[in-house]
Structure formats: structure tokens, C-alpha cells
Amino acid sequence: MRRLLNFMMLLLVLGAGYVAVTQPENLPFAVPWQTRTPAAPAAQDETDKPEDSQGNTVQTGPSGEITDAAIQALVARQPISIPALRAREYPGSEMTVVRTLSAGSTYSRQVVSYQSDGLKIFALLTVPTGTPPQGGWPAIVFNHGYIPPEKYRTTERYVAYQDAFARAGYVTLKSDYRGHGDSEGEARGGYNDPGYTVDVLNAAASLKKDPRVNRDRMGLWGHSMGGQLSLRAMLVDPELKAASLWAGVVASYDVLATDWNSPPGEQKPTLDNLNRRYLRALSPNAYLQELDGRPIELHQGTADEDVPYSFQKDFADDLRAAKQRFTAYRYPGDNHNLSGNLRLALNRSVAFFKDNL
């Protein structure tokens, strides 16, 4: 009977994994499996090992409990997981100039395209003017936050942010992600679907092909959803040396499932221990030790109404537990875009990359 109950709980976990991949953008990691009543499995002999929905035997411990190894096997089958992303290839492509924009004070600006998953993805490229340093310019893969895909435009928003790094002597590439602007493909969200992360990793691979870029001096900047994409990309590609994350959605997935976007007036969702173990194992935060000392910089305002400030604190705790290098900045009373401290935060990020790229 104990194994039968554990098997039923496993079905709930499998349901959680499905939701985590397909849930729409505005409700990442919602937990409807708490109210779902799964069909009862066929009767089993007490000596039988339980099987998952693909017919794979599920590993259990001496008391019939679902083991960490079984949960890891479930995680590895989720396309958004770090193991699944590491199993893919990210060849990128040569970047093609689509149109040349008006230049900045010390850098050129171009809309370019590159290939990702067979899709044509557009991006905004900035390149410092003048003679590159020996080995090429350092580069930053620039990852924007959530903007409704139908409203997104390549040359709108984040102009001041990208400009600050361009003027400081960095090549920057801001991907439009699939389904945004003129990019091909479907916009399926940044948390539950691997597509945007794949686009970021192919953007990095495309930058590495540019002879003006020093592939040994590449980092990531990410805001909000882009913080999540940057973290995931850094864990997949060990050549990405550092990341500056602003108001990033970087708390562990079990925290996202319970502490974010709860409808007003409704009780906050809760997780049983098994589902919490599963979501924790699915999270990039479970792999932070594999940063191997590559540094992270965090910025967030305490009055952020889009991403709870507690997410930065939770992520800092995870980095500390994993014994990884990080610096965290707290901006009292500031908002999601750090509007009240924009210049200070940009200066700090530029200094961070000068120290670490």
C-alpha cells in the first residue's frame, strides 16, 4: 500500500512537470496538480516496482519512498532542465546585417540576424569604434525582460542600458528571442519552455564567430525574465564568464510556484514535500556549484512590484550555500527598472565586467 501511495504521488509530480513546461507566461510554475484527481493506477503486486507514464521503472528506497535519483531522472526529461539543455548543441551562425542604424558616440549600431533552432532571430548589435584590443573586444550577451511579444520592437527600450556598455568598450548583442518583433518562431515564455534560452545560447555562439569579439571575455546581462535566461545560459555554457542580473526572476522554482503571481485575495499556494523536492531539483539553483567560481552580480529595488525583492535574497542564500562568488546591491524604495538609481547601477555593472571579463 505504501508503494501504491508513493506511485500516486509520483503521478502528481509528473503532472507538475508537464505544467512547468506548458504553463503560460503569466503563471509560471502554477500548481493545479494540488486539486487534480489522477486516475487510480492499475492494481500492482506489492513486490512490483512502480513505473512512470513512459513505462520506466521508478527507483524507490527501502521504505518505498521515491528517491532523489528517481526525481533527477524525471527532471532530466524536462526540456527546460539544465541536463536537457546541456544535451543540446548551440552552433549559432554568422550574423547577417539587416540594417545599419545611427551610430552612438563611440560605437556602431546594427540590426542583425542569426540562426537558432532553424529560426531566423533578429538582434541589436553594438560594436565599439576604433581598433580592437589584442584578442578582440569583450562582449556581453544582453537579455531583456518580459515585454508582450506583439509589442516588442528591436530598437525600443533598454537603449540607455545597452548604450552604457557600448560606450565602455563592449560589444553587446540583444536578442529579440523567437516570436518577438520580426523573429521567427513562437513566443512560448521564458520560464517553462526552453526556446528563449536556446536563442540566448545561440546568440552567444554567434558572437563567438565574430572576429572582432574575444570569446574568452564574454558575459551576460539580464533584466527580470532575462535574469532567469542569463543564469540558465551561464550554467549551460562554461565559456560565459560572469553575469550581472537586475531584478532577476532567479529564486528556486519551488519558491516561484508559491510566492509569485498569486491572484489578489487568494491564499498562497502550498507544496507537499515531494513536489517541492521535484521543483527544487528542476531549478537552475540546484546546479549553482557548477558555476565553479564564475561571479554573479545582483541588483534590485526593494519597492519592485513585478518581482519580489525576496527573490534576490533567496538567490543570494542559494549562492552562499553553494559557496559561489556574488555581490548583491539593494536599492531602498526603487522600482523594477531601478529608475531612481539607473546611473549608479549601470556604473556598478560596467565596473563589474571590467573586473571579471
Protein backbone atom coordinates (compact mmCIF):
# COMPACT_ATOMS: atom_id res chain seq x y z
CA MET A 1 0.00 0.00 0.00
CA ARG A 2 2.85 2.39 0.82
CA ARG A 3 4.30 1.89 -2.65
CA LEU A 4 0.89 2.42 -4.21
CA LEU A 5 0.54 5.74 -2.39
CA ASN A 6 4.03 6.77 -3.41
CA PHE A 7 3.22 5.87 -7.00
CA MET A 8 0.17 8.12 -6.89
CA MET A 9 2.37 10.92 -5.61
CA LEU A 10 4.74 10.25 -8.49
CA LEU A 11 1.86 10.80 -10.91
CA LEU A 12 1.32 14.17 -9.30
CA VAL A 13 4.98 15.00 -9.79
CA LEU A 14 4.76 14.02 -13.44
CA GLY A 15 1.75 16.30 -13.75
CA ALA A 16 3.76 19.10 -12.16
CA GLY A 17 6.49 18.61 -14.74
CA TYR A 18 4.00 18.91 -17.57
CA VAL A 19 2.57 22.13 -16.17
CA ALA A 20 6.06 23.52 -15.65
CA VAL A 21 6.76 23.12 -19.37
CA THR A 22 3.45 24.31 -20.79
CA GLN A 23 2.01 26.83 -18.33
CA PRO A 24 1.51 30.28 -19.95
CA GLU A 25 3.98 33.07 -19.28
CA ASN A 26 1.91 34.91 -16.70
CA LEU A 27 1.60 31.92 -14.34
CA PRO A 28 4.96 30.14 -14.24
CA PHE A 29 5.01 27.02 -12.10
CA ALA A 30 1.36 27.20 -11.08
CA VAL A 31 0.37 24.17 -9.02
CA PRO A 32 -3.00 22.87 -10.30
CA TRP A 33 -1.89 19.33 -9.53
CA GLN A 34 -2.90 20.04 -5.91
CA THR A 35 -6.54 19.97 -6.96
CA ARG A 36 -6.24 17.43 -9.78
CA THR A 37 -7.51 13.94 -9.02
CA PRO A 38 -5.46 11.48 -11.05
CA ALA A 39 -6.96 8.26 -12.31
CA ALA A 40 -6.16 5.41 -9.97
CA PRO A 41 -3.37 3.20 -11.34
CA ALA A 42 -3.96 -0.44 -12.05
CA ALA A 43 -3.51 -2.74 -9.10
CA GLN A 44 0.08 -3.83 -8.55
CA ASP A 45 1.69 -6.67 -6.79
CA GLU A 46 3.38 -5.35 -3.66
CA THR A 47 6.70 -6.64 -4.99
CA ASP A 48 6.41 -4.68 -8.25
CA LYS A 49 8.40 -1.51 -8.76
CA PRO A 50 6.19 1.46 -9.75
CA GLU A 51 6.51 2.80 -13.28
CA ASP A 52 6.18 6.30 -14.63
CA SER A 53 3.93 7.34 -17.52
CA GLN A 54 6.56 6.24 -20.08
CA GLY A 55 6.78 2.75 -18.57
CA ASN A 56 10.14 3.38 -16.91
CA THR A 57 10.68 1.72 -13.55
CA VAL A 58 10.85 4.30 -10.78
CA GLN A 59 13.59 3.85 -8.23
CA THR A 60 12.40 3.65 -4.64
CA GLY A 61 14.18 3.42 -1.32
CA PRO A 62 13.93 0.67 1.32
CA SER A 63 10.67 2.08 2.67
CA GLY A 64 9.14 2.58 -0.77
CA GLU A 65 9.89 6.32 -0.88
CA ILE A 66 10.72 7.94 -4.22
CA THR A 67 14.46 8.54 -4.29
CA ASP A 68 16.44 11.61 -5.30
CA ALA A 69 17.76 9.59 -8.24
CA ALA A 70 14.20 8.99 -9.46
CA ILE A 71 13.41 12.70 -9.22
CA GLN A 72 16.61 13.55 -11.09
CA ALA A 73 15.57 11.15 -13.85
CA LEU A 74 12.23 12.95 -14.14
CA VAL A 75 13.99 16.32 -14.19
CA ALA A 76 16.35 15.26 -16.97
CA ARG A 77 13.36 14.54 -19.22
CA GLN A 78 12.05 18.10 -18.91
CA PRO A 79 13.28 20.21 -21.89
CA ILE A 80 13.74 23.26 -19.63
CA SER A 81 16.07 21.42 -17.24
CA ILE A 82 19.80 22.09 -17.13
CA PRO A 83 20.68 18.46 -18.05
CA ALA A 84 18.36 18.58 -21.09
CA LEU A 85 19.74 21.94 -22.21
CA ARG A 86 23.31 20.68 -21.85
CA ALA A 87 22.49 17.73 -24.08
CA ARG A 88 21.69 20.08 -26.99
CA GLU A 89 24.07 21.82 -29.38
CA TYR A 90 24.24 25.58 -29.95
CA PRO A 91 26.09 26.25 -33.20
CA GLY A 92 24.81 29.79 -33.74
CA SER A 93 25.71 31.26 -37.12
CA GLU A 94 27.45 34.13 -38.79
CA MET A 95 25.50 37.30 -38.04
CA THR A 96 23.88 38.95 -41.06
CA VAL A 97 23.43 42.72 -41.12
CA VAL A 98 19.79 43.61 -41.75
CA ARG A 99 20.13 47.36 -41.48
CA THR A 100 22.55 49.92 -40.09
CA LEU A 101 21.23 52.39 -37.52
CA SER A 102 22.52 55.79 -36.47
CA ALA A 103 25.78 55.38 -34.59
CA GLY A 104 26.35 56.15 -30.94
CA SER A 105 29.08 58.46 -29.71
CA THR A 106 31.76 55.74 -29.75
CA TYR A 107 30.10 52.72 -31.30
CA SER A 108 28.14 51.47 -34.29
CA ARG A 109 24.58 50.05 -34.11
CA GLN A 110 23.11 47.47 -36.43
CA VAL A 111 20.08 45.21 -36.57
CA VAL A 112 21.42 41.75 -37.37
CA SER A 113 20.01 38.25 -37.65
CA TYR A 114 21.35 34.86 -36.63
CA GLN A 115 20.12 31.26 -36.67
CA SER A 116 18.67 29.42 -33.66
CA ASP A 117 16.88 26.07 -33.93
CA GLY A 118 16.47 26.71 -37.65
CA LEU A 119 14.75 30.03 -36.91
CA LYS A 120 15.83 33.48 -38.07
CA ILE A 121 16.26 35.56 -34.92
CA PHE A 122 16.82 39.32 -35.01
CA ALA A 123 19.01 41.23 -32.58
CA LEU A 124 20.54 44.64 -31.89
CA LEU A 125 24.34 44.63 -32.17
CA THR A 126 26.65 47.38 -30.94
CA VAL A 127 30.39 47.41 -31.67
CA PRO A 128 32.90 49.95 -30.33
CA THR A 129 34.62 52.08 -32.93
CA GLY A 130 38.39 52.14 -33.23
CA THR A 131 40.99 49.40 -33.13
CA PRO A 132 40.01 46.37 -31.05
CA PRO A 133 42.31 45.38 -28.19
CA GLN A 134 44.55 42.36 -28.68
CA GLY A 135 42.31 39.31 -28.92
CA GLY A 136 39.20 41.34 -29.70
CA TRP A 137 36.58 43.32 -27.80
CA PRO A 138 34.96 41.85 -24.70
CA ALA A 139 31.30 41.08 -25.29
CA ILE A 140 28.03 40.98 -23.37
CA VAL A 141 25.00 38.90 -24.33
CA PHE A 142 22.19 41.28 -23.40
CA ASN A 143 18.93 39.64 -22.30
CA HIS A 144 15.81 41.79 -21.99
CA GLY A 145 12.93 41.18 -19.62
CA TYR A 146 9.36 40.28 -20.42
CA ILE A 147 7.66 42.56 -22.94
CA PRO A 148 4.45 41.38 -24.65
CA PRO A 149 5.89 39.80 -27.83
CA GLU A 150 3.41 41.55 -30.09
CA LYS A 151 4.50 44.93 -28.67
CA TYR A 152 8.23 44.25 -28.72
CA ARG A 153 10.45 46.27 -31.09
CA THR A 154 14.18 45.68 -31.61
CA THR A 155 15.19 49.32 -31.19
CA GLU A 156 12.84 50.25 -28.34
CA ARG A 157 13.51 50.02 -24.58
CA TYR A 158 16.81 49.20 -22.92
CA VAL A 159 18.54 51.81 -25.08
CA ALA A 160 20.25 53.54 -22.13
CA TYR A 161 21.30 50.21 -20.68
CA GLN A 162 22.90 48.88 -23.84
CA ASP A 163 24.43 52.30 -24.57
CA ALA A 164 26.29 52.30 -21.23
CA PHE A 165 28.12 49.06 -22.01
CA ALA A 166 28.76 50.02 -25.64
CA ARG A 167 30.39 53.31 -24.58
CA ALA A 168 32.52 51.40 -22.07
CA GLY A 169 34.08 49.34 -24.87
CA TYR A 170 31.93 46.21 -25.00
CA VAL A 171 30.31 44.54 -27.96
CA THR A 172 26.67 43.91 -26.99
CA LEU A 173 24.06 41.72 -28.63
CA LYS A 174 20.41 41.99 -27.52
CA SER A 175 18.40 39.10 -28.92
CA ASP A 176 14.76 39.62 -29.79
CA TYR A 177 14.01 35.96 -28.88
CA ARG A 178 11.73 33.84 -31.03
CA GLY A 179 8.28 35.26 -31.69
CA HIS A 180 9.39 38.79 -30.75
CA GLY A 181 9.38 41.57 -33.32
CA ASP A 182 10.31 40.07 -36.69
CA SER A 183 11.96 36.95 -35.24
CA GLU A 184 10.58 33.65 -36.48
CA GLY A 185 9.05 31.05 -34.19
CA GLU A 186 6.51 31.03 -31.41
CA ALA A 187 6.86 33.06 -28.21
CA ARG A 188 6.13 30.44 -25.54
CA GLY A 189 7.59 32.12 -22.47
CA GLY A 190 10.91 32.21 -20.71
CA TYR A 191 10.29 30.01 -17.66
CA ASN A 192 8.53 26.87 -18.82
CA ASP A 193 9.84 26.45 -22.36
CA PRO A 194 13.50 26.18 -23.45
CA GLY A 195 13.13 28.30 -26.60
CA TYR A 196 14.31 31.68 -25.31
CA THR A 197 17.27 30.07 -23.52
CA VAL A 198 18.23 28.30 -26.74
CA ASP A 199 18.09 31.67 -28.54
CA VAL A 200 20.36 33.23 -25.90
CA LEU A 201 22.89 30.40 -26.17
CA ASN A 202 22.88 30.63 -29.98
CA ALA A 203 23.33 34.41 -29.67
CA ALA A 204 26.46 33.74 -27.59
CA ALA A 205 27.68 31.18 -30.12
CA SER A 206 27.12 33.68 -32.94
CA LEU A 207 29.11 36.35 -31.09
CA LYS A 208 31.98 33.87 -30.71
CA LYS A 209 32.16 33.60 -34.51
CA ASP A 210 32.67 37.36 -34.92
CA PRO A 211 36.42 38.05 -35.37
CA ARG A 212 36.03 41.38 -33.55
CA VAL A 213 34.98 39.57 -30.34
CA ASN A 214 37.25 37.97 -27.76
CA ARG A 215 35.42 34.73 -26.97
CA ASP A 216 37.43 34.39 -23.75
CA ARG A 217 35.94 37.63 -22.42
CA MET A 218 32.19 37.11 -22.68
CA GLY A 219 29.49 37.71 -20.07
CA LEU A 220 25.75 38.17 -19.71
CA TRP A 221 23.48 40.98 -18.57
CA GLY A 222 19.85 40.17 -17.82
CA HIS A 223 16.82 42.01 -16.50
CA SER A 224 13.78 40.32 -14.92
CA MET A 225 12.96 37.32 -17.14
CA GLY A 226 16.32 37.96 -18.80
CA GLY A 227 17.94 37.29 -15.43
CA GLN A 228 16.49 33.77 -15.45
CA LEU A 229 17.65 33.24 -19.05
CA SER A 230 21.14 34.54 -18.23
CA LEU A 231 21.51 32.23 -15.23
CA ARG A 232 20.39 29.21 -17.22
CA ALA A 233 22.71 30.08 -20.13
CA MET A 234 25.68 30.54 -17.81
CA LEU A 235 25.12 27.09 -16.30
CA VAL A 236 24.95 25.52 -19.76
CA ASP A 237 27.92 27.33 -21.37
CA PRO A 238 31.06 27.39 -19.17
CA GLU A 239 32.73 29.89 -21.54
CA LEU A 240 30.40 32.64 -20.28
CA LYS A 241 32.49 34.18 -17.53
CA ALA A 242 30.22 36.47 -15.49
CA ALA A 243 26.64 37.74 -15.24
CA SER A 244 25.01 40.94 -13.95
CA LEU A 245 21.36 40.31 -13.11
CA TRP A 246 18.87 43.11 -12.47
CA ALA A 247 15.61 42.29 -10.69
CA GLY A 248 16.06 38.75 -11.92
CA VAL A 249 13.46 36.02 -11.60
CA VAL A 250 16.13 33.85 -10.01
CA ALA A 251 14.53 32.29 -6.94
CA SER A 252 14.31 28.50 -6.97
CA TYR A 253 11.32 27.06 -8.85
CA ASP A 254 9.63 25.85 -5.68
CA VAL A 255 9.66 29.48 -4.49
CA LEU A 256 8.32 30.73 -7.84
CA ALA A 257 5.48 28.22 -7.60
CA THR A 258 4.31 29.52 -4.23
CA ASP A 259 5.49 33.13 -3.87
CA TRP A 260 4.82 34.77 -7.22
CA ASN A 261 1.75 36.00 -9.08
CA SER A 262 -0.84 34.65 -6.67
CA PRO A 263 -4.24 36.17 -7.56
CA PRO A 264 -5.19 39.02 -5.19
CA GLY A 265 -7.22 37.83 -2.24
CA GLU A 266 -6.40 34.17 -2.75
CA GLN A 267 -4.37 32.09 -0.35
CA LYS A 268 -0.78 31.48 -1.41
CA PRO A 269 -0.29 28.00 -2.94
CA THR A 270 1.50 25.38 -0.88
CA LEU A 271 3.61 22.42 -1.89
CA ASP A 272 3.95 19.00 -0.31
CA ASN A 273 7.48 17.78 0.28
CA LEU A 274 7.63 15.58 -2.83
CA ASN A 275 6.55 18.32 -5.23
CA ARG A 276 8.91 20.75 -3.52
CA ARG A 277 11.80 18.33 -4.00
CA TYR A 278 10.89 17.96 -7.66
CA LEU A 279 10.67 21.71 -8.39
CA ARG A 280 13.83 22.38 -6.42
CA ALA A 281 15.68 19.77 -8.50
CA LEU A 282 14.27 21.24 -11.73
CA SER A 283 15.53 24.73 -10.84
CA PRO A 284 18.85 26.09 -12.14
CA ASN A 285 19.58 26.89 -8.50
CA ALA A 286 20.20 23.18 -7.93
CA TYR A 287 23.33 23.49 -10.15
CA LEU A 288 24.95 26.63 -8.73
CA GLN A 289 28.06 24.76 -7.57
CA GLU A 290 28.81 24.25 -11.27
CA LEU A 291 29.39 27.96 -11.73
CA ASP A 292 32.86 26.99 -10.47
CA GLY A 293 33.56 30.44 -9.09
CA ARG A 294 32.32 32.46 -12.05
CA PRO A 295 30.91 35.60 -10.43
CA ILE A 296 27.34 36.88 -10.29
CA GLU A 297 26.26 40.46 -9.58
CA LEU A 298 22.73 41.21 -8.33
CA HIS A 299 20.75 44.47 -8.36
CA GLN A 300 17.19 45.01 -7.15
CA GLY A 301 14.96 47.69 -5.69
CA THR A 302 13.02 46.97 -2.52
CA ALA A 303 9.82 48.51 -3.97
CA ASP A 304 9.83 46.27 -7.06
CA GLU A 305 6.17 45.48 -7.79
CA ASP A 306 6.90 42.94 -10.54
CA VAL A 307 9.50 40.66 -8.97
CA PRO A 308 9.57 40.37 -5.16
CA TYR A 309 12.77 41.64 -3.60
CA SER A 310 12.78 38.41 -1.60
CA PHE A 311 13.77 36.59 -4.80
CA GLN A 312 17.17 38.31 -4.76
CA LYS A 313 17.61 37.42 -1.09
CA ASP A 314 16.64 33.79 -1.72
CA PHE A 315 19.04 33.56 -4.65
CA ALA A 316 21.84 35.11 -2.60
CA ASP A 317 21.22 32.45 0.06
CA ASP A 318 21.47 29.75 -2.61
CA LEU A 319 24.73 31.19 -3.97
CA ARG A 320 26.12 31.42 -0.46
CA ALA A 321 25.18 27.81 0.29
CA ALA A 322 26.85 26.73 -2.97
CA LYS A 323 29.98 28.71 -1.99
CA GLN A 324 29.88 30.83 -5.15
CA ARG A 325 31.11 34.38 -5.71
CA PHE A 326 28.49 37.11 -5.81
CA THR A 327 27.83 40.75 -4.99
CA ALA A 328 24.30 41.92 -4.20
CA TYR A 329 23.09 45.53 -4.29
CA ARG A 330 19.89 46.65 -2.57
CA TYR A 331 18.19 49.89 -3.69
CA PRO A 332 15.75 51.07 -0.99
CA GLY A 333 12.43 52.24 -2.43
CA ASP A 334 13.41 51.73 -6.06
CA ASN A 335 11.28 50.02 -8.70
CA HIS A 336 11.64 47.13 -11.14
CA ASN A 337 13.69 49.20 -13.61
CA LEU A 338 15.87 50.87 -10.94
CA SER A 339 14.70 54.22 -12.29
CA GLY A 340 15.89 56.09 -9.21
CA ASN A 341 19.39 54.60 -9.32
CA LEU A 342 19.87 53.83 -13.00
CA ARG A 343 23.21 55.59 -13.47
CA LEU A 344 24.64 54.15 -10.25
CA ALA A 345 23.55 50.62 -11.12
CA LEU A 346 24.91 50.90 -14.67
CA ASN A 347 28.24 52.20 -13.40
CA ARG A 348 28.43 49.29 -10.97
CA SER A 349 27.66 46.79 -13.73
CA VAL A 350 30.28 48.28 -16.04
CA ALA A 351 32.85 48.13 -13.25
CA PHE A 352 31.84 44.51 -12.52
CA PHE A 353 32.52 43.45 -16.10
CA LYS A 354 35.80 45.38 -16.21
CA ASP A 355 36.91 43.36 -13.18
CA ASN A 356 35.68 39.99 -14.39
CA LEU A 357 35.92 39.83 -18.20
